[in-house]
Amino acid sequence: MTYLDINSLKLIIKTMEKKLYDTICKNLSQSCTIKTSFSIVTKGIETHSDYKNVSEEDKKFLDDEITSWIHKVLELYGSLDTYFDSGNIEFILKNKVLIFTGNFELDDNGLYTEKEYFINEVLTENIEELISQHLDIDIDDLEEDLFNYYIDLDNDKGIEDFTKFEIFYDGEEIELDEAKNLIIKNEIFNIISKWSGPYNGVEGDIISTNIYCDSDEDAFTCLYKIYVSEEIKVTDE
């Protein structure tokens, strides 16, 4: 594998062929909207376009060329160990400068990670004791494999931002009083707030980290949301 200079890669990422560049700028200057979403699938990259007030002729050209441009951009990001599972891209013309903004996502269930966090990692002795008391079961008789959670947490906001918080044992939801729930939330938050997902790229700003576990799954997922904004320059005059 040939390694390129990071600054060179950043420069390449910000470039676009003149015909595509001019077509985007022409449409944006006429109050048109050009947005594209993409997702990584086993067969490659799927893209979906969202155009407003763009002619049919330009739509066909933009569909082909923007898809090709996204492929190149993602390959170059990959050369910087920056990977995304999906994202939304919008082109903006600001003071005659063409900018692309990207809202990207990357999670543990994507193609680029070996990290996993399992249910038993948030079964502390204190949690097991509270659950055993509630179920009137000896703590030594609790079976870890019968525990599950339905948790959704915005890790960047803190314990009050559990948008979902349910505990299950042997398929039945355990309903505790608020004081015991708060104890368990704190225990869980102290553990999972130290977790990190697969994103380690040098491009983009992480705007949020969501950690969640569905009630029918045996592992947690860390989802990163990443924001990128770049000025684009034309490659040839």
Foldseek 3Di string as FASTA:
>chain_A
DDADDPVVLQQVLQAAADVLVVLVLVQVVVVKWWKKKWFQDPVGIDMDIDIDPHDPVSVVVCVVRVVVSVVVNQVSQVSQVAHFGMWMWIWHQDPNWIKIKIKTKDKCPDDQDDDWAFPVLLCDPLNLVVVCVQVVHPSVPADSVQKFWWWKAFLVPDLVGTPGTWIGGNRHTDDDDPVVSVVSSVSNSVRCSPDDGSGDGPFFDFPTWMWGGHRPDGTIMIMTITMHMHTHYYDDD
